[in-house]
Amino acid sequence: IVKTTATAPDGTTGSQEADFNGIDYMLGVGMHFKAG
């Protein structure tokens, strides 16, 4: 989600919200510790 707020020189404001969506594919690596 991207929200944009615009301000004109006279102080007038406006806003827009653009909602993007899609499928993600993930790869993760790390280390495992048994802490208890």
PDB file of all heavy atoms in Angstrom:
ATOM      1  N   ILE A   1       0.845  -1.196   0.000  1.00  0.00           N
ATOM      2  CA  ILE A   1       0.000   0.000   0.000  1.00  0.00           C
ATOM      3  C   ILE A   1       0.879   1.245   0.000  1.00  0.00           C
ATOM      4  O   ILE A   1       1.747   1.396   0.877  1.00  0.00           O
ATOM      5  CB  ILE A   1      -0.929   0.015   1.222  1.00  0.00           C
ATOM      6  CG1 ILE A   1      -1.819  -1.234   1.219  1.00  0.00           C
ATOM      7  CG2 ILE A   1      -1.784   1.275   1.233  1.00  0.00           C
ATOM      8  CD1 ILE A   1      -2.637  -1.400   2.480  1.00  0.00           C
ATOM      9  N   VAL A   2       0.659   2.114  -0.978  1.00  0.00           N
ATOM     10  CA  VAL A   2       1.385   3.382  -1.069  1.00  0.00           C
ATOM     11  C   VAL A   2       0.389   4.532  -0.901  1.00  0.00           C
ATOM     12  O   VAL A   2      -0.570   4.648  -1.665  1.00  0.00           O
ATOM     13  CB  VAL A   2       2.109   3.526  -2.421  1.00  0.00           C
ATOM     14  CG1 VAL A   2       2.830   4.879  -2.490  1.00  0.00           C
ATOM     15  CG2 VAL A   2       3.107   2.391  -2.627  1.00  0.00           C
ATOM     16  N   LYS A   3       0.615   5.352   0.125  1.00  0.00           N
ATOM     17  CA  LYS A   3      -0.219   6.528   0.358  1.00  0.00           C
ATOM     18  C   LYS A   3       0.584   7.776   0.021  1.00  0.00           C
ATOM     19  O   LYS A   3       1.712   7.937   0.485  1.00  0.00           O
ATOM     20  CB  LYS A   3      -0.682   6.578   1.817  1.00  0.00           C
ATOM     21  CG  LYS A   3      -1.585   5.414   2.204  1.00  0.00           C
ATOM     22  CD  LYS A   3      -2.034   5.528   3.654  1.00  0.00           C
ATOM     23  CE  LYS A   3      -2.955   4.373   4.030  1.00  0.00           C
ATOM     24  NZ  LYS A   3      -3.400   4.467   5.452  1.00  0.00           N
ATOM     25  N   THR A   4      -0.011   8.637  -0.800  1.00  0.00           N
ATOM     26  CA  THR A   4       0.663   9.862  -1.228  1.00  0.00           C
ATOM     27  C   THR A   4      -0.180  11.066  -0.830  1.00  0.00           C
ATOM     28  O   THR A   4      -1.389  11.106  -1.104  1.00  0.00           O
ATOM     29  CB  THR A   4       0.866   9.881  -2.753  1.00  0.00           C
ATOM     30  OG1 THR A   4       1.567   8.699  -3.152  1.00  0.00           O
ATOM     31  CG2 THR A   4       1.665  11.103  -3.184  1.00  0.00           C
ATOM     32  N   THR A   5       0.450  12.018  -0.172  1.00  0.00           N
ATOM     33  CA  THR A   5      -0.214  13.274   0.196  1.00  0.00           C
ATOM     34  C   THR A   5       0.506  14.410  -0.521  1.00  0.00           C
ATOM     35  O   THR A   5       1.721  14.568  -0.397  1.00  0.00           O
ATOM     36  CB  THR A   5      -0.169  13.503   1.712  1.00  0.00           C
ATOM     37  OG1 THR A   5      -0.827  12.420   2.376  1.00  0.00           O
ATOM     38  CG2 THR A   5      -0.870  14.806   2.068  1.00  0.00           C
ATOM     39  N   ALA A   6      -0.264  15.178  -1.298  1.00  0.00           N
ATOM     40  CA  ALA A   6       0.311  16.286  -2.074  1.00  0.00           C
ATOM     41  C   ALA A   6      -0.146  17.612  -1.481  1.00  0.00           C
ATOM     42  O   ALA A   6      -1.302  17.766  -1.079  1.00  0.00           O
ATOM     43  CB  ALA A   6      -0.113  16.203  -3.535  1.00  0.00           C
ATOM     44  N   THR A   7       0.789  18.568  -1.435  1.00  0.00           N
ATOM     45  CA  THR A   7       0.499  19.902  -0.906  1.00  0.00           C
ATOM     46  C   THR A   7       0.879  20.946  -1.942  1.00  0.00           C
ATOM     47  O   THR A   7       2.032  20.996  -2.396  1.00  0.00           O
ATOM     48  CB  THR A   7       1.281  20.159   0.395  1.00  0.00           C
ATOM     49  OG1 THR A   7       0.986  19.115   1.344  1.00  0.00           O
ATOM     50  CG2 THR A   7       0.905  21.503   0.987  1.00  0.00           C
ATOM     51  N   ALA A   8      -0.099  21.771  -2.334  1.00  0.00           N
ATOM     52  CA  ALA A   8       0.135  22.829  -3.316  1.00  0.00           C
ATOM     53  C   ALA A   8       0.705  24.065  -2.630  1.00  0.00           C
ATOM     54  O   ALA A   8       0.640  24.191  -1.400  1.00  0.00           O
ATOM     55  CB  ALA A   8      -1.173  23.173  -4.028  1.00  0.00           C
ATOM     56  N   PRO A   9       1.278  25.016  -3.411  1.00  0.00           N
ATOM     57  CA  PRO A   9       1.847  26.230  -2.809  1.00  0.00           C
ATOM     58  C   PRO A   9       0.847  27.027  -1.982  1.00  0.00           C
ATOM     59  O   PRO A   9       1.235  27.691  -1.003  1.00  0.00           O
ATOM     60  CB  PRO A   9       2.330  27.029  -4.027  1.00  0.00           C
ATOM     61  CG  PRO A   9       2.604  25.990  -5.066  1.00  0.00           C
ATOM     62  CD  PRO A   9       1.552  24.936  -4.853  1.00  0.00           C
ATOM     63  N   ASP A  10      -0.447  26.952  -2.318  1.00  0.00           N
ATOM     64  CA  ASP A  10      -1.443  27.704  -1.547  1.00  0.00           C
ATOM     65  C   ASP A  10      -1.940  26.939  -0.320  1.00  0.00           C
ATOM     66  O   ASP A  10      -2.860  27.383   0.368  1.00  0.00           O
ATOM     67  CB  ASP A  10      -2.636  28.080  -2.435  1.00  0.00           C
ATOM     68  CG  ASP A  10      -3.366  26.858  -2.988  1.00  0.00           C
ATOM     69  OD1 ASP A  10      -2.946  25.716  -2.668  1.00  0.00           O
ATOM     70  OD2 ASP A  10      -4.351  27.041  -3.736  1.00  0.00           O
ATOM     71  N   GLY A  11      -1.343  25.780  -0.046  1.00  0.00           N
ATOM     72  CA  GLY A  11      -1.720  25.008   1.123  1.00  0.00           C
ATOM     73  C   GLY A  11      -2.787  23.968   0.878  1.00  0.00           C
ATOM     74  O   GLY A  11      -3.127  23.188   1.780  1.00  0.00           O
ATOM     75  N   THR A  12      -3.354  23.919  -0.332  1.00  0.00           N
ATOM     76  CA  THR A  12      -4.361  22.910  -0.651  1.00  0.00           C
ATOM     77  C   THR A  12      -3.711  21.522  -0.658  1.00  0.00           C
ATOM     78  O   THR A  12      -2.603  21.355  -1.170  1.00  0.00           O
ATOM     79  CB  THR A  12      -4.983  23.175  -2.034  1.00  0.00           C
ATOM     80  OG1 THR A  12      -5.523  24.501  -2.050  1.00  0.00           O
ATOM     81  CG2 THR A  12      -6.092  22.180  -2.339  1.00  0.00           C
ATOM     82  N   THR A  13      -4.399  20.560  -0.080  1.00  0.00           N
ATOM     83  CA  THR A  13      -3.843  19.212  -0.010  1.00  0.00           C
ATOM     84  C   THR A  13      -4.781  18.201  -0.645  1.00  0.00           C
ATOM     85  O   THR A  13      -5.994  18.416  -0.750  1.00  0.00           O
ATOM     86  CB  THR A  13      -3.570  18.783   1.447  1.00  0.00           C
ATOM     87  OG1 THR A  13      -4.808  18.763   2.167  1.00  0.00           O
ATOM     88  CG2 THR A  13      -2.585  19.725   2.115  1.00  0.00           C
ATOM     89  N   GLY A  14      -4.219  17.127  -1.070  1.00  0.00           N
ATOM     90  CA  GLY A  14      -4.983  16.007  -1.610  1.00  0.00           C
ATOM     91  C   GLY A  14      -4.222  14.723  -1.345  1.00  0.00           C
ATOM     92  O   GLY A  14      -3.020  14.745  -1.064  1.00  0.00           O
ATOM     93  N   SER A  15      -4.914  13.624  -1.393  1.00  0.00           N
ATOM     94  CA  SER A  15      -4.252  12.358  -1.094  1.00  0.00           C
ATOM     95  C   SER A  15      -4.729  11.264  -2.018  1.00  0.00           C
ATOM     96  O   SER A  15      -5.826  11.340  -2.598  1.00  0.00           O
ATOM     97  CB  SER A  15      -4.496  11.941   0.364  1.00  0.00           C
ATOM     98  OG  SER A  15      -5.879  11.715   0.588  1.00  0.00           O
ATOM     99  N   GLN A  16      -3.907  10.242  -2.154  1.00  0.00           N
ATOM    100  CA  GLN A  16      -4.229   9.083  -2.972  1.00  0.00           C
ATOM    101  C   GLN A  16      -3.666   7.842  -2.298  1.00  0.00           C
ATOM    102  O   GLN A  16      -2.598   7.883  -1.693  1.00  0.00           O
ATOM    103  CB  GLN A  16      -3.636   9.213  -4.374  1.00  0.00           C
ATOM    104  CG  GLN A  16      -3.928   8.015  -5.283  1.00  0.00           C
ATOM    105  CD  GLN A  16      -3.140   8.088  -6.575  1.00  0.00           C
ATOM    106  OE1 GLN A  16      -1.945   7.846  -6.592  1.00  0.00           O
ATOM    107  NE2 GLN A  16      -3.809   8.435  -7.655  1.00  0.00           N
ATOM    108  N   GLU A  17      -4.403   6.746  -2.404  1.00  0.00           N
ATOM    109  CA  GLU A  17      -3.918   5.461  -1.913  1.00  0.00           C
ATOM    110  C   GLU A  17      -3.955   4.455  -3.044  1.00  0.00           C
ATOM    111  O   GLU A  17      -4.998   4.253  -3.679  1.00  0.00           O
ATOM    112  CB  GLU A  17      -4.775   4.960  -0.743  1.00  0.00           C
ATOM    113  CG  GLU A  17      -4.309   3.609  -0.204  1.00  0.00           C
ATOM    114  CD  GLU A  17      -5.107   3.153   1.001  1.00  0.00           C
ATOM    115  OE1 GLU A  17      -5.161   3.932   1.978  1.00  0.00           O
ATOM    116  OE2 GLU A  17      -5.693   2.052   0.947  1.00  0.00           O
ATOM    117  N   ALA A  18      -2.828   3.820  -3.314  1.00  0.00           N
ATOM    118  CA  ALA A  18      -2.727   2.791  -4.351  1.00  0.00           C
ATOM    119  C   ALA A  18      -2.386   1.466  -3.676  1.00  0.00           C
ATOM    120  O   ALA A  18      -1.373   1.359  -2.973  1.00  0.00           O
ATOM    121  CB  ALA A  18      -1.654   3.163  -5.374  1.00  0.00           C
ATOM    122  N   ASP A  19      -3.241   0.473  -3.870  1.00  0.00           N
ATOM    123  CA  ASP A  19      -3.051  -0.845  -3.260  1.00  0.00           C
ATOM    124  C   ASP A  19      -2.618  -1.834  -4.341  1.00  0.00           C
ATOM    125  O   ASP A  19      -3.404  -2.188  -5.225  1.00  0.00           O
ATOM    126  CB  ASP A  19      -4.344  -1.341  -2.611  1.00  0.00           C
ATOM    127  CG  ASP A  19      -4.826  -0.421  -1.505  1.00  0.00           C
ATOM    128  OD1 ASP A  19      -4.055   0.461  -1.094  1.00  0.00           O
ATOM    129  OD2 ASP A  19      -5.983  -0.578  -1.062  1.00  0.00           O
ATOM    130  N   PHE A  20      -1.373  -2.295  -4.260  1.00  0.00           N
ATOM    131  CA  PHE A  20      -0.830  -3.289  -5.183  1.00  0.00           C
ATOM    132  C   PHE A  20      -0.921  -4.671  -4.525  1.00  0.00           C
ATOM    133  O   PHE A  20      -0.858  -4.794  -3.307  1.00  0.00           O
ATOM    134  CB  PHE A  20       0.627  -2.982  -5.514  1.00  0.00           C
ATOM    135  CG  PHE A  20       0.856  -1.631  -6.126  1.00  0.00           C
ATOM    136  CD1 PHE A  20       0.975  -0.498  -5.324  1.00  0.00           C
ATOM    137  CD2 PHE A  20       0.968  -1.486  -7.502  1.00  0.00           C
ATOM    138  CE1 PHE A  20       1.195   0.753  -5.886  1.00  0.00           C
ATOM    139  CE2 PHE A  20       1.189  -0.240  -8.075  1.00  0.00           C
ATOM    140  CZ  PHE A  20       1.300   0.874  -7.260  1.00  0.00           C
ATOM    141  N   ASN A  21      -1.021  -5.699  -5.332  1.00  0.00           N
ATOM    142  CA  ASN A  21      -1.032  -7.052  -4.765  1.00  0.00           C
ATOM    143  C   ASN A  21      -0.475  -8.041  -5.778  1.00  0.00           C
ATOM    144  O   ASN A  21      -0.463  -7.785  -6.985  1.00  0.00           O
ATOM    145  CB  ASN A  21      -2.441  -7.459  -4.324  1.00  0.00           C
ATOM    146  CG  ASN A  21      -3.452  -7.369  -5.454  1.00  0.00           C
ATOM    147  OD1 ASN A  21      -3.511  -8.233  -6.313  1.00  0.00           O
ATOM    148  ND2 ASN A  21      -4.260  -6.308  -5.459  1.00  0.00           N
ATOM    149  N   GLY A  22      -0.010  -9.172  -5.269  1.00  0.00           N
ATOM    150  CA  GLY A  22       0.566 -10.190  -6.148  1.00  0.00           C
ATOM    151  C   GLY A  22       1.134 -11.344  -5.352  1.00  0.00           C
ATOM    152  O   GLY A  22       1.137 -11.343  -4.118  1.00  0.00           O
ATOM    153  N   ILE A  23       1.626 -12.358  -6.073  1.00  0.00           N
ATOM    154  CA  ILE A  23       2.203 -13.555  -5.473  1.00  0.00           C
ATOM    155  C   ILE A  23       3.709 -13.368  -5.288  1.00  0.00           C
ATOM    156  O   ILE A  23       4.391 -12.903  -6.193  1.00  0.00           O
ATOM    157  CB  ILE A  23       1.938 -14.799  -6.341  1.00  0.00           C
ATOM    158  CG1 ILE A  23       0.427 -14.994  -6.531  1.00  0.00           C
ATOM    159  CG2 ILE A  23       2.559 -16.039  -5.718  1.00  0.00           C
ATOM    160  CD1 ILE A  23      -0.325 -15.270  -5.260  1.00  0.00           C
ATOM    161  N   ASP A  24       4.206 -13.735  -4.104  1.00  0.00           N
ATOM    162  CA  ASP A  24       5.641 -13.697  -3.812  1.00  0.00           C
ATOM    163  C   ASP A  24       6.177 -15.118  -3.660  1.00  0.00           C
ATOM    164  O   ASP A  24       5.494 -15.997  -3.116  1.00  0.00           O
ATOM    165  CB  ASP A  24       5.916 -12.938  -2.518  1.00  0.00           C
ATOM    166  CG  ASP A  24       6.015 -11.442  -2.724  1.00  0.00           C
ATOM    167  OD1 ASP A  24       5.649 -10.970  -3.819  1.00  0.00           O
ATOM    168  OD2 ASP A  24       6.445 -10.744  -1.791  1.00  0.00           O
ATOM    169  N   TYR A  25       7.421 -15.321  -4.113  1.00  0.00           N
ATOM    170  CA  TYR A  25       8.130 -16.585  -3.921  1.00  0.00           C
ATOM    171  C   TYR A  25       9.340 -16.307  -3.036  1.00  0.00           C
ATOM    172  O   TYR A  25      10.094 -15.361  -3.291  1.00  0.00           O
ATOM    173  CB  TYR A  25       8.552 -17.169  -5.268  1.00  0.00           C
ATOM    174  CG  TYR A  25       7.372 -17.442  -6.169  1.00  0.00           C
ATOM    175  CD1 TYR A  25       6.947 -16.492  -7.097  1.00  0.00           C
ATOM    176  CD2 TYR A  25       6.659 -18.638  -6.075  1.00  0.00           C
ATOM    177  CE1 TYR A  25       5.849 -16.732  -7.909  1.00  0.00           C
ATOM    178  CE2 TYR A  25       5.570 -18.885  -6.879  1.00  0.00           C
ATOM    179  CZ  TYR A  25       5.161 -17.921  -7.801  1.00  0.00           C
ATOM    180  OH  TYR A  25       4.062 -18.166  -8.588  1.00  0.00           O
ATOM    181  N   MET A  26       9.533 -17.125  -2.002  1.00  0.00           N
ATOM    182  CA  MET A  26      10.499 -16.794  -0.955  1.00  0.00           C
ATOM    183  C   MET A  26      11.573 -17.858  -0.790  1.00  0.00           C
ATOM    184  O   MET A  26      11.313 -19.051  -0.947  1.00  0.00           O
ATOM    185  CB  MET A  26       9.763 -16.616   0.374  1.00  0.00           C
ATOM    186  CG  MET A  26       8.723 -15.497   0.361  1.00  0.00           C
ATOM    187  SD  MET A  26       7.811 -15.453   1.923  1.00  0.00           S
ATOM    188  CE  MET A  26       6.912 -17.004   1.830  1.00  0.00           C
ATOM    189  N   LEU A  27      12.757 -17.391  -0.442  1.00  0.00           N
ATOM    190  CA  LEU A  27      13.888 -18.244  -0.082  1.00  0.00           C
ATOM    191  C   LEU A  27      14.544 -17.646   1.148  1.00  0.00           C
ATOM    192  O   LEU A  27      14.842 -16.451   1.183  1.00  0.00           O
ATOM    193  CB  LEU A  27      14.899 -18.315  -1.235  1.00  0.00           C
ATOM    194  CG  LEU A  27      16.245 -18.982  -0.921  1.00  0.00           C
ATOM    195  CD1 LEU A  27      16.057 -20.462  -0.619  1.00  0.00           C
ATOM    196  CD2 LEU A  27      17.217 -18.791  -2.083  1.00  0.00           C
ATOM    197  N   GLY A  28      14.745 -18.474   2.180  1.00  0.00           N
ATOM    198  CA  GLY A  28      15.365 -17.983   3.396  1.00  0.00           C
ATOM    199  C   GLY A  28      16.395 -18.961   3.942  1.00  0.00           C
ATOM    200  O   GLY A  28      16.237 -20.177   3.815  1.00  0.00           O
ATOM    201  N   VAL A  29      17.459 -18.440   4.543  1.00  0.00           N
ATOM    202  CA  VAL A  29      18.494 -19.268   5.172  1.00  0.00           C
ATOM    203  C   VAL A  29      18.875 -18.623   6.502  1.00  0.00           C
ATOM    204  O   VAL A  29      18.768 -17.405   6.681  1.00  0.00           O
ATOM    205  CB  VAL A  29      19.747 -19.429   4.288  1.00  0.00           C
ATOM    206  CG1 VAL A  29      19.424 -20.205   3.020  1.00  0.00           C
ATOM    207  CG2 VAL A  29      20.351 -18.073   3.945  1.00  0.00           C
ATOM    208  N   GLY A  30      19.326 -19.464   7.433  1.00  0.00           N
ATOM    209  CA  GLY A  30      19.747 -18.952   8.724  1.00  0.00           C
ATOM    210  C   GLY A  30      20.368 -20.047   9.562  1.00  0.00           C
ATOM    211  O   GLY A  30      20.724 -21.116   9.057  1.00  0.00           O
ATOM    212  N   MET A  31      20.490 -19.781  10.861  1.00  0.00           N
ATOM    213  CA  MET A  31      21.044 -20.741  11.804  1.00  0.00           C
ATOM    214  C   MET A  31      20.049 -20.970  12.924  1.00  0.00           C
ATOM    215  O   MET A  31      19.332 -20.053  13.339  1.00  0.00           O
ATOM    216  CB  MET A  31      22.374 -20.246  12.366  1.00  0.00           C
ATOM    217  CG  MET A  31      23.433 -19.953  11.305  1.00  0.00           C
ATOM    218  SD  MET A  31      23.777 -21.336  10.190  1.00  0.00           S
ATOM    219  CE  MET A  31      24.441 -22.540  11.341  1.00  0.00           C
ATOM    220  N   HIS A  32      20.011 -22.198  13.420  1.00  0.00           N
ATOM    221  CA  HIS A  32      19.078 -22.591  14.473  1.00  0.00           C
ATOM    222  C   HIS A  32      19.833 -22.807  15.775  1.00  0.00           C
ATOM    223  O   HIS A  32      20.859 -23.486  15.806  1.00  0.00           O
ATOM    224  CB  HIS A  32      18.361 -23.883  14.059  1.00  0.00           C
ATOM    225  CG  HIS A  32      17.523 -24.488  15.147  1.00  0.00           C
ATOM    226  ND1 HIS A  32      18.041 -25.313  16.114  1.00  0.00           N
ATOM    227  CD2 HIS A  32      16.205 -24.373  15.422  1.00  0.00           C
ATOM    228  CE1 HIS A  32      17.077 -25.692  16.935  1.00  0.00           C
ATOM    229  NE2 HIS A  32      15.956 -25.130  16.540  1.00  0.00           N
ATOM    230  N   PHE A  33      19.329 -22.196  16.862  1.00  0.00           N
ATOM    231  CA  PHE A  33      19.916 -22.373  18.189  1.00  0.00           C
ATOM    232  C   PHE A  33      18.833 -22.861  19.147  1.00  0.00           C
ATOM    233  O   PHE A  33      17.750 -22.275  19.217  1.00  0.00           O
ATOM    234  CB  PHE A  33      20.483 -21.053  18.735  1.00  0.00           C
ATOM    235  CG  PHE A  33      21.591 -20.462  17.924  1.00  0.00           C
ATOM    236  CD1 PHE A  33      21.308 -19.616  16.866  1.00  0.00           C
ATOM    237  CD2 PHE A  33      22.912 -20.752  18.212  1.00  0.00           C
ATOM    238  CE1 PHE A  33      22.324 -19.052  16.118  1.00  0.00           C
ATOM    239  CE2 PHE A  33      23.939 -20.192  17.467  1.00  0.00           C
ATOM    240  CZ  PHE A  33      23.658 -19.349  16.413  1.00  0.00           C
ATOM    241  N   LYS A  34      19.123 -23.899  19.868  1.00  0.00           N
ATOM    242  CA  LYS A  34      18.239 -24.322  20.944  1.00  0.00           C
ATOM    243  C   LYS A  34      18.656 -23.576  22.204  1.00  0.00           C
ATOM    244  O   LYS A  34      19.702 -23.819  22.773  1.00  0.00           O
ATOM    245  CB  LYS A  34      18.334 -25.828  21.160  1.00  0.00           C
ATOM    246  CG  LYS A  34      17.372 -26.340  22.215  1.00  0.00           C
ATOM    247  CD  LYS A  34      17.445 -27.854  22.361  1.00  0.00           C
ATOM    248  CE  LYS A  34      16.481 -28.350  23.423  1.00  0.00           C
ATOM    249  NZ  LYS A  34      16.532 -29.824  23.594  1.00  0.00           N
ATOM    250  N   ALA A  35      17.789 -22.622  22.638  1.00  0.00           N
ATOM    251  CA  ALA A  35      18.144 -21.757  23.762  1.00  0.00           C
ATOM    252  C   ALA A  35      17.567 -22.246  25.084  1.00  0.00           C
ATOM    253  O   ALA A  35      17.709 -21.579  26.097  1.00  0.00           O
ATOM    254  CB  ALA A  35      17.660 -20.331  23.483  1.00  0.00           C
ATOM    255  N   GLY A  36      16.915 -23.363  25.091  1.00  0.00           N
ATOM    256  CA  GLY A  36      16.312 -23.911  26.301  1.00  0.00           C
ATOM    257  C   GLY A  36      15.453 -25.095  25.930  1.00  0.00           C
ATOM    258  O   GLY A  36      15.396 -25.521  24.771  1.00  0.00           O
TER     259      GLY A  36
END
